[in-house]
Amino acid sequence: MELRRKRAYDTPDASDGFRVLVDRLWPRGLSKERAAIDLWAKETAPTPELRRDWHAAPASEWEEYADRYRAQLARESSDALRALADVLRLHPVVTLVFAAHDADHNHAVVLEQALRELP
């Protein structure tokens, strides 16, 4: 399985394969038709508290946020993470879709790493 990441507001493409929205909230102003989402995996998204903390924190706290999200994925979201991985393994190409502006510092980066590390 090939994992990719893409912003929700970027145009969907056939090469995206199976598109998975990994945000807890639906992207503002984006219709379901335009988003072309195959699966909404909100159970693996950061908790509302963690998301609020990240939006309030300076960008320099990225590593702390990523560590907290990894801990969430290992504990309270571990069953959802494994269930998501089971579904994704059925598809040759999977694109994790997220709404964040920063493509390099967002939860989809951490989620992709966590999925790659699963046996």
Protein backbone atom coordinates (compact mmCIF):
# COMPACT_ATOMS: atom_id res chain seq x y z
CA MET A 1 0.00 0.00 0.00
CA GLU A 2 1.26 3.43 -0.94
CA LEU A 3 0.35 6.19 1.54
CA ARG A 4 0.06 9.82 0.47
CA ARG A 5 -1.16 13.06 2.05
CA LYS A 6 -3.17 15.86 0.45
CA ARG A 7 -5.03 18.96 1.57
CA ALA A 8 -8.81 18.68 1.44
CA TYR A 9 -9.02 21.87 -0.62
CA ASP A 10 -6.73 20.55 -3.36
CA THR A 11 -8.47 19.05 -6.37
CA PRO A 12 -9.09 15.30 -6.05
CA ASP A 13 -7.39 13.19 -8.67
CA ALA A 14 -7.86 9.59 -9.80
CA SER A 15 -4.25 8.93 -8.79
CA ASP A 16 -5.22 9.66 -5.16
CA GLY A 17 -6.70 6.18 -4.92
CA PHE A 18 -8.76 5.61 -1.76
CA ARG A 19 -9.28 9.03 -0.13
CA VAL A 20 -9.59 9.12 3.67
CA LEU A 21 -10.53 12.29 5.55
CA VAL A 22 -8.52 12.20 8.78
CA ASP A 23 -9.98 15.32 10.45
CA ARG A 24 -12.51 15.15 13.28
CA LEU A 25 -14.44 18.08 11.76
CA TRP A 26 -15.59 18.32 8.15
CA PRO A 27 -13.50 20.92 6.25
CA ARG A 28 -15.27 24.27 6.23
CA GLY A 29 -16.87 25.25 2.94
CA LEU A 30 -16.12 21.95 1.21
CA SER A 31 -18.99 19.98 -0.28
CA LYS A 32 -19.04 16.21 -0.01
CA GLU A 33 -19.08 15.93 -3.80
CA ARG A 34 -16.04 18.18 -4.22
CA ALA A 35 -14.14 16.39 -1.43
CA ALA A 36 -14.56 12.94 -3.04
CA ILE A 37 -13.94 11.20 0.29
CA ASP A 38 -14.22 7.40 0.43
CA LEU A 39 -13.91 7.10 4.21
CA TRP A 40 -14.08 9.57 7.10
CA ALA A 41 -11.75 8.30 9.84
CA LYS A 42 -12.61 10.83 12.54
CA GLU A 43 -11.98 8.31 15.33
CA THR A 44 -8.25 8.51 14.63
CA ALA A 45 -8.15 12.32 14.52
CA PRO A 46 -6.77 14.32 17.45
CA THR A 47 -9.18 14.80 20.34
CA PRO A 48 -10.94 18.18 20.50
CA GLU A 49 -8.74 19.15 23.46
CA LEU A 50 -5.52 18.28 21.64
CA ARG A 51 -6.70 20.10 18.51
CA ARG A 52 -7.52 23.25 20.51
CA ASP A 53 -4.14 23.12 22.25
CA TRP A 54 -2.35 22.82 18.90
CA HIS A 55 -4.20 25.77 17.38
CA ALA A 56 -3.34 27.90 20.41
CA ALA A 57 0.34 26.90 20.50
CA PRO A 58 3.19 28.47 18.55
CA ALA A 59 4.61 26.50 15.64
CA SER A 60 7.76 25.87 17.69
CA GLU A 61 5.78 23.38 19.80
CA TRP A 62 5.27 20.98 16.90
CA GLU A 63 7.27 18.12 18.45
CA GLU A 64 5.34 18.32 21.72
CA TYR A 65 2.03 18.23 19.83
CA ALA A 66 3.22 15.30 17.67
CA ASP A 67 4.29 13.38 20.79
CA ARG A 68 0.92 13.97 22.44
CA TYR A 69 -0.91 12.82 19.32
CA ARG A 70 1.30 9.70 19.04
CA ALA A 71 0.40 8.92 22.66
CA GLN A 72 -3.31 9.31 21.84
CA LEU A 73 -2.93 6.92 18.90
CA ALA A 74 -1.16 4.40 21.12
CA ARG A 75 -3.77 4.57 23.88
CA GLU A 76 -7.36 5.72 23.42
CA SER A 77 -7.31 5.59 19.60
CA SER A 78 -5.35 2.35 19.21
CA ASP A 79 -8.38 0.24 18.24
CA ALA A 80 -9.49 2.85 15.69
CA LEU A 81 -5.95 3.04 14.29
CA ARG A 82 -5.76 -0.73 13.80
CA ALA A 83 -9.25 -0.83 12.25
CA LEU A 84 -8.25 1.96 9.85
CA ALA A 85 -5.05 0.12 8.92
CA ASP A 86 -7.06 -3.03 8.17
CA VAL A 87 -9.29 -1.10 5.74
CA LEU A 88 -6.39 0.73 4.11
CA ARG A 89 -4.48 -2.50 3.41
CA LEU A 90 -7.24 -3.40 0.94
CA HIS A 91 -6.22 -0.51 -1.34
CA PRO A 92 -3.01 -0.12 -3.35
CA VAL A 93 -2.97 3.70 -3.05
CA VAL A 94 -4.38 5.64 -0.09
CA THR A 95 -4.43 9.41 0.33
CA LEU A 96 -4.87 10.85 3.82
CA VAL A 97 -6.88 14.04 3.36
CA PHE A 98 -6.59 16.91 5.87
CA ALA A 99 -7.69 20.55 6.06
CA ALA A 100 -4.65 22.11 7.78
CA HIS A 101 -2.78 24.84 5.89
CA ASP A 102 0.68 23.56 6.83
CA ALA A 103 1.33 20.38 4.88
CA ASP A 104 4.41 19.48 6.93
CA HIS A 105 3.20 20.17 10.47
CA ASN A 106 -0.21 18.58 10.97
CA HIS A 107 -1.74 15.46 12.42
CA ALA A 108 -1.88 13.65 9.06
CA VAL A 109 1.94 13.52 9.09
CA VAL A 110 1.90 11.81 12.49
CA LEU A 111 -0.96 9.50 11.50
CA GLU A 112 0.87 8.45 8.33
CA GLN A 113 3.96 7.58 10.41
CA ALA A 114 1.85 5.61 12.88
CA LEU A 115 0.20 3.64 10.07
CA ARG A 116 3.59 2.83 8.51
CA GLU A 117 4.90 1.57 11.86
CA LEU A 118 2.06 -0.93 12.40
CA PRO A 119 2.97 -4.56 11.74
